[in-house]
Amino acid sequence: MQIKISEKARQHIAKKIAFYGKKNRVPRIVIAERSCSGAVFRLHFEALRDCDIELQTDGITIYGSKDLLDEFGGFELDLEQFFFASRLQIAPIHQTFRCNCEAKCPNSQKQAQNR
């Protein structure tokens, strides 16, 4: 399990940690959605959970669940300019393409039975 953070992303996250840390909230990687195209992740600032695992790099500590880290092997974080705002990109080291769209996905067992 590992985490890699670009310098721009590190600076961005450090500013948010300084703000949210006063409210006892920590940066936590969460899964936002899962589809045939892969999983999408977000960085939320929440209360620390007992089951969280600590990931440290370049003076930044980020938390996540053990199951999430085991499945995806870690994350790479970078910052991109999106129109007039900066946006954090979170990419897993190992993407999984588990589908949760049974009714629509051509790869689902339900669709295969209807053929």
N, C-alpha and C. Protein backbone atom coordinates (compact mmCIF):
# COMPACT_ATOMS: atom_id res chain seq x y z
N MET A 1 0.84 -1.17 0.00
CA MET A 1 0.00 0.00 0.00
C MET A 1 0.88 1.23 0.00
N GLN A 2 0.54 2.13 -0.87
CA GLN A 2 1.36 3.32 -0.96
C GLN A 2 0.51 4.50 -1.40
N ILE A 3 1.11 5.66 -1.25
CA ILE A 3 0.46 6.87 -1.71
C ILE A 3 1.54 7.78 -2.29
N LYS A 4 1.24 8.37 -3.44
CA LYS A 4 2.15 9.30 -4.09
C LYS A 4 1.38 10.60 -4.28
N ILE A 5 2.01 11.71 -3.92
CA ILE A 5 1.36 13.01 -4.02
C ILE A 5 2.27 13.96 -4.77
N SER A 6 1.75 14.60 -5.82
CA SER A 6 2.54 15.61 -6.52
C SER A 6 2.73 16.81 -5.61
N GLU A 7 3.71 17.64 -5.92
CA GLU A 7 3.97 18.81 -5.09
C GLU A 7 2.78 19.77 -5.07
N LYS A 8 2.13 19.97 -6.21
CA LYS A 8 0.96 20.86 -6.26
C LYS A 8 -0.18 20.30 -5.39
N ALA A 9 -0.39 18.99 -5.48
CA ALA A 9 -1.45 18.37 -4.67
C ALA A 9 -1.10 18.44 -3.19
N ARG A 10 0.18 18.26 -2.85
CA ARG A 10 0.61 18.34 -1.46
C ARG A 10 0.33 19.72 -0.88
N GLN A 11 0.65 20.76 -1.62
CA GLN A 11 0.39 22.12 -1.16
C GLN A 11 -1.11 22.38 -0.99
N HIS A 12 -1.90 21.91 -1.93
CA HIS A 12 -3.36 22.06 -1.88
C HIS A 12 -3.95 21.37 -0.65
N ILE A 13 -3.52 20.14 -0.43
CA ILE A 13 -4.03 19.35 0.70
C ILE A 13 -3.56 19.96 2.02
N ALA A 14 -2.33 20.43 2.07
CA ALA A 14 -1.79 21.04 3.31
C ALA A 14 -2.63 22.24 3.74
N LYS A 15 -3.07 23.06 2.78
CA LYS A 15 -3.92 24.21 3.11
C LYS A 15 -5.26 23.75 3.70
N LYS A 16 -5.81 22.72 3.10
CA LYS A 16 -7.10 22.20 3.60
C LYS A 16 -6.94 21.55 4.98
N ILE A 17 -5.83 20.87 5.21
CA ILE A 17 -5.57 20.27 6.52
C ILE A 17 -5.48 21.35 7.58
N ALA A 18 -4.82 22.45 7.25
CA ALA A 18 -4.70 23.56 8.21
C ALA A 18 -6.08 24.11 8.58
N PHE A 19 -6.98 24.17 7.62
CA PHE A 19 -8.33 24.68 7.89
C PHE A 19 -9.19 23.66 8.63
N TYR A 20 -9.30 22.44 8.09
CA TYR A 20 -10.18 21.43 8.67
C TYR A 20 -9.63 20.82 9.95
N GLY A 21 -8.31 20.85 10.13
CA GLY A 21 -7.71 20.30 11.34
C GLY A 21 -8.21 20.97 12.60
N LYS A 22 -8.54 22.25 12.49
CA LYS A 22 -9.09 22.99 13.64
C LYS A 22 -10.46 22.47 14.04
N LYS A 23 -11.10 21.77 13.13
CA LYS A 23 -12.44 21.22 13.38
C LYS A 23 -12.38 19.71 13.63
N ASN A 24 -11.17 19.21 13.92
CA ASN A 24 -10.94 17.78 14.19
C ASN A 24 -11.39 16.88 13.05
N ARG A 25 -11.14 17.34 11.83
CA ARG A 25 -11.43 16.52 10.66
C ARG A 25 -10.13 16.24 9.91
N VAL A 26 -10.00 15.03 9.40
CA VAL A 26 -8.78 14.61 8.73
C VAL A 26 -9.09 14.24 7.27
N PRO A 27 -8.07 14.31 6.40
CA PRO A 27 -8.30 13.93 5.00
C PRO A 27 -8.44 12.42 4.89
N ARG A 28 -9.50 11.99 4.22
CA ARG A 28 -9.81 10.57 4.11
C ARG A 28 -10.22 10.26 2.68
N ILE A 29 -9.57 9.30 2.07
CA ILE A 29 -9.93 8.88 0.71
C ILE A 29 -11.14 7.96 0.81
N VAL A 30 -12.16 8.29 0.03
CA VAL A 30 -13.40 7.49 0.00
C VAL A 30 -13.73 7.16 -1.44
N ILE A 31 -14.45 6.10 -1.64
CA ILE A 31 -14.89 5.73 -2.98
C ILE A 31 -16.21 6.46 -3.25
N ALA A 32 -16.27 7.17 -4.35
CA ALA A 32 -17.46 7.95 -4.69
C ALA A 32 -18.43 7.13 -5.55
N GLU A 33 -17.88 6.34 -6.45
CA GLU A 33 -18.73 5.48 -7.28
C GLU A 33 -17.90 4.36 -7.86
N ARG A 34 -18.58 3.33 -8.30
CA ARG A 34 -17.94 2.16 -8.89
C ARG A 34 -18.75 1.79 -10.13
N SER A 35 -18.06 1.60 -11.26
CA SER A 35 -18.77 1.24 -12.48
C SER A 35 -17.88 0.41 -13.38
N CYS A 36 -18.39 0.09 -14.56
CA CYS A 36 -17.62 -0.67 -15.55
C CYS A 36 -16.37 0.09 -15.98
N SER A 37 -16.39 1.40 -15.83
CA SER A 37 -15.26 2.24 -16.21
C SER A 37 -14.22 2.35 -15.11
N GLY A 38 -14.48 1.77 -13.96
CA GLY A 38 -13.56 1.83 -12.84
C GLY A 38 -14.13 2.62 -11.69
N ALA A 39 -13.40 2.66 -10.62
CA ALA A 39 -13.84 3.36 -9.41
C ALA A 39 -13.38 4.81 -9.45
N VAL A 40 -14.17 5.68 -8.80
CA VAL A 40 -13.87 7.11 -8.69
C VAL A 40 -13.74 7.44 -7.22
N PHE A 41 -12.75 8.25 -6.88
CA PHE A 41 -12.45 8.54 -5.48
C PHE A 41 -12.53 10.03 -5.20
N ARG A 42 -12.77 10.34 -3.93
CA ARG A 42 -12.79 11.73 -3.45
C ARG A 42 -12.00 11.81 -2.15
N LEU A 43 -11.56 13.00 -1.84
CA LEU A 43 -10.90 13.25 -0.56
C LEU A 43 -11.88 14.05 0.29
N HIS A 44 -12.38 13.43 1.35
CA HIS A 44 -13.29 14.10 2.27
C HIS A 44 -12.55 14.42 3.56
N PHE A 45 -12.98 15.45 4.23
CA PHE A 45 -12.42 15.80 5.53
C PHE A 45 -13.48 15.45 6.57
N GLU A 46 -13.20 14.38 7.33
CA GLU A 46 -14.16 13.81 8.26
C GLU A 46 -13.47 13.51 9.59
N ALA A 47 -14.27 13.10 10.54
CA ALA A 47 -13.72 12.64 11.82
C ALA A 47 -12.95 11.34 11.57
N LEU A 48 -11.89 11.14 12.30
CA LEU A 48 -11.09 9.93 12.19
C LEU A 48 -11.91 8.73 12.65
N ARG A 49 -11.79 7.63 11.94
CA ARG A 49 -12.51 6.39 12.28
C ARG A 49 -11.52 5.38 12.85
N ASP A 50 -12.00 4.52 13.72
CA ASP A 50 -11.15 3.51 14.35
C ASP A 50 -10.52 2.57 13.33
N CYS A 51 -11.23 2.30 12.24
CA CYS A 51 -10.75 1.34 11.25
C CYS A 51 -9.81 1.95 10.20
N ASP A 52 -9.55 3.25 10.28
CA ASP A 52 -8.72 3.92 9.28
C ASP A 52 -7.25 3.54 9.39
N ILE A 53 -6.63 3.47 8.23
CA ILE A 53 -5.19 3.24 8.14
C ILE A 53 -4.55 4.57 7.74
N GLU A 54 -3.42 4.84 8.32
CA GLU A 54 -2.70 6.09 8.08
C GLU A 54 -1.69 5.92 6.96
N LEU A 55 -1.73 6.82 5.98
CA LEU A 55 -0.75 6.84 4.90
C LEU A 55 0.00 8.16 4.97
N GLN A 56 1.32 8.09 5.01
CA GLN A 56 2.11 9.32 5.12
C GLN A 56 3.09 9.42 3.97
N THR A 57 3.22 10.65 3.46
CA THR A 57 4.22 10.95 2.46
C THR A 57 4.44 12.45 2.40
N ASP A 58 5.66 12.85 2.26
CA ASP A 58 6.02 14.27 2.12
C ASP A 58 5.36 15.18 3.15
N GLY A 59 5.28 14.74 4.40
CA GLY A 59 4.72 15.56 5.47
C GLY A 59 3.21 15.62 5.50
N ILE A 60 2.55 14.84 4.68
CA ILE A 60 1.08 14.80 4.62
C ILE A 60 0.61 13.44 5.11
N THR A 61 -0.42 13.43 5.96
CA THR A 61 -1.03 12.19 6.41
C THR A 61 -2.45 12.13 5.88
N ILE A 62 -2.76 11.04 5.18
CA ILE A 62 -4.09 10.81 4.63
C ILE A 62 -4.56 9.47 5.15
N TYR A 63 -5.85 9.34 5.38
CA TYR A 63 -6.42 8.13 5.94
C TYR A 63 -7.33 7.45 4.93
N GLY A 64 -7.55 6.16 5.15
CA GLY A 64 -8.46 5.38 4.31
C GLY A 64 -8.74 4.05 4.97
N SER A 65 -9.77 3.39 4.48
CA SER A 65 -10.12 2.08 5.06
C SER A 65 -9.15 1.02 4.54
N LYS A 66 -8.91 0.01 5.35
CA LYS A 66 -8.00 -1.08 4.98
C LYS A 66 -8.52 -1.80 3.74
N ASP A 67 -9.82 -2.05 3.67
CA ASP A 67 -10.39 -2.75 2.52
C ASP A 67 -10.14 -2.00 1.22
N LEU A 68 -10.33 -0.69 1.25
CA LEU A 68 -10.12 0.14 0.07
C LEU A 68 -8.65 0.11 -0.35
N LEU A 69 -7.77 0.21 0.61
CA LEU A 69 -6.34 0.21 0.32
C LEU A 69 -5.88 -1.16 -0.17
N ASP A 70 -6.43 -2.23 0.40
CA ASP A 70 -6.07 -3.58 -0.04
C ASP A 70 -6.52 -3.82 -1.49
N GLU A 71 -7.73 -3.37 -1.80
CA GLU A 71 -8.27 -3.60 -3.14
C GLU A 71 -7.52 -2.82 -4.22
N PHE A 72 -7.17 -1.57 -3.94
CA PHE A 72 -6.60 -0.71 -4.98
C PHE A 72 -5.09 -0.52 -4.86
N GLY A 73 -4.46 -1.02 -3.81
CA GLY A 73 -3.01 -0.98 -3.68
C GLY A 73 -2.40 0.37 -3.40
N GLY A 74 -3.20 1.37 -3.15
CA GLY A 74 -2.70 2.71 -2.89
C GLY A 74 -3.22 3.69 -3.92
N PHE A 75 -2.73 4.94 -3.83
CA PHE A 75 -3.28 5.99 -4.68
C PHE A 75 -2.21 6.99 -5.09
N GLU A 76 -2.46 7.63 -6.23
CA GLU A 76 -1.63 8.73 -6.71
C GLU A 76 -2.53 9.96 -6.75
N LEU A 77 -2.09 11.04 -6.12
CA LEU A 77 -2.87 12.28 -6.07
C LEU A 77 -2.14 13.37 -6.84
N ASP A 78 -2.90 14.08 -7.64
CA ASP A 78 -2.35 15.20 -8.41
C ASP A 78 -3.40 16.30 -8.45
N LEU A 79 -2.99 17.46 -8.88
CA LEU A 79 -3.88 18.62 -8.96
C LEU A 79 -3.94 19.08 -10.41
N GLU A 80 -5.16 19.34 -10.88
CA GLU A 80 -5.32 19.87 -12.23
C GLU A 80 -6.11 21.16 -12.19
N GLN A 81 -5.89 21.99 -13.19
CA GLN A 81 -6.65 23.23 -13.31
C GLN A 81 -7.90 22.90 -14.11
N PHE A 82 -9.06 23.14 -13.55
CA PHE A 82 -10.34 22.86 -14.20
C PHE A 82 -11.09 24.18 -14.31
N PHE A 83 -11.06 24.76 -15.49
CA PHE A 83 -11.57 26.10 -15.73
C PHE A 83 -10.88 27.08 -14.77
N PHE A 84 -11.61 27.66 -13.84
CA PHE A 84 -11.01 28.65 -12.94
C PHE A 84 -10.69 28.10 -11.56
N ALA A 85 -10.83 26.80 -11.38
CA ALA A 85 -10.61 26.20 -10.07
C ALA A 85 -9.61 25.05 -10.18
N SER A 86 -9.00 24.73 -9.06
CA SER A 86 -8.12 23.57 -8.98
C SER A 86 -8.94 22.37 -8.54
N ARG A 87 -8.61 21.22 -9.08
CA ARG A 87 -9.36 20.00 -8.76
C ARG A 87 -8.37 18.88 -8.46
N LEU A 88 -8.61 18.18 -7.36
CA LEU A 88 -7.76 17.08 -6.94
C LEU A 88 -8.14 15.81 -7.71
N GLN A 89 -7.15 15.18 -8.30
CA GLN A 89 -7.36 13.92 -9.00
C GLN A 89 -6.79 12.80 -8.15
N ILE A 90 -7.57 11.75 -7.96
CA ILE A 90 -7.12 10.60 -7.18
C ILE A 90 -7.22 9.37 -8.07
N ALA A 91 -6.09 8.77 -8.36
CA ALA A 91 -6.04 7.58 -9.21
C ALA A 91 -5.52 6.40 -8.40
N PRO A 92 -6.20 5.25 -8.48
CA PRO A 92 -5.70 4.08 -7.76
C PRO A 92 -4.47 3.49 -8.45
N ILE A 93 -3.61 2.85 -7.67
CA ILE A 93 -2.44 2.16 -8.23
C ILE A 93 -2.92 1.01 -9.11
N HIS A 94 -3.90 0.25 -8.63
CA HIS A 94 -4.48 -0.88 -9.38
C HIS A 94 -5.98 -0.65 -9.48
N GLN A 95 -6.46 -0.28 -10.64
CA GLN A 95 -7.89 -0.04 -10.83
C GLN A 95 -8.63 -1.37 -10.93
N THR A 96 -9.82 -1.43 -10.36
CA THR A 96 -10.68 -2.60 -10.53
C THR A 96 -11.92 -2.14 -11.28
N PHE A 97 -12.46 -3.02 -12.07
CA PHE A 97 -13.59 -2.67 -12.92
C PHE A 97 -14.81 -3.52 -12.54
N ARG A 98 -15.07 -3.57 -11.24
CA ARG A 98 -16.25 -4.31 -10.77
C ARG A 98 -17.48 -3.47 -11.05
N CYS A 99 -18.42 -4.07 -11.66
CA CYS A 99 -19.62 -3.37 -12.09
C CYS A 99 -20.72 -3.46 -11.03
N ASN A 100 -21.45 -2.36 -10.84
CA ASN A 100 -22.61 -2.40 -9.95
C ASN A 100 -23.86 -1.93 -10.70
N CYS A 101 -23.82 -2.06 -12.01
CA CYS A 101 -24.95 -1.60 -12.82
C CYS A 101 -25.60 -2.79 -13.52
N GLU A 102 -26.10 -3.72 -12.77
CA GLU A 102 -26.65 -4.99 -13.26
C GLU A 102 -27.60 -4.84 -14.44
N ALA A 103 -28.46 -3.86 -14.42
CA ALA A 103 -29.49 -3.74 -15.46
C ALA A 103 -28.94 -3.23 -16.79
N LYS A 104 -27.86 -2.44 -16.77
CA LYS A 104 -27.38 -1.79 -17.98
C LYS A 104 -26.13 -2.39 -18.58
N CYS A 105 -25.29 -2.95 -17.78
CA CYS A 105 -23.96 -3.36 -18.21
C CYS A 105 -24.00 -4.61 -19.10
N PRO A 106 -23.38 -4.56 -20.28
CA PRO A 106 -23.36 -5.74 -21.14
C PRO A 106 -22.52 -6.88 -20.55
N ASN A 107 -21.71 -6.59 -19.54
CA ASN A 107 -20.88 -7.62 -18.91
C ASN A 107 -21.57 -8.31 -17.75
N SER A 108 -22.75 -7.84 -17.37
CA SER A 108 -23.41 -8.40 -16.20
C SER A 108 -24.01 -9.77 -16.49
N GLN A 109 -24.17 -10.56 -15.45
CA GLN A 109 -24.76 -11.90 -15.59
C GLN A 109 -26.21 -11.82 -16.02
N LYS A 110 -26.91 -10.82 -15.54
CA LYS A 110 -28.33 -10.65 -15.88
C LYS A 110 -28.49 -10.43 -17.38
N GLN A 111 -27.66 -9.60 -17.97
CA GLN A 111 -27.72 -9.34 -19.41
C GLN A 111 -27.34 -10.59 -20.19
N ALA A 112 -26.36 -11.36 -19.71
CA ALA A 112 -25.93 -12.57 -20.40
C ALA A 112 -27.05 -13.61 -20.43
N GLN A 113 -27.86 -13.68 -19.38
CA GLN A 113 -28.96 -14.63 -19.33
C GLN A 113 -30.08 -14.25 -20.30
N ASN A 114 -30.24 -12.99 -20.59
CA ASN A 114 -31.29 -12.51 -21.49
C ASN A 114 -30.93 -12.64 -22.95
N ARG A 115 -29.71 -13.01 -23.26
CA ARG A 115 -29.28 -13.13 -24.68
C ARG A 115 -29.70 -14.43 -25.28
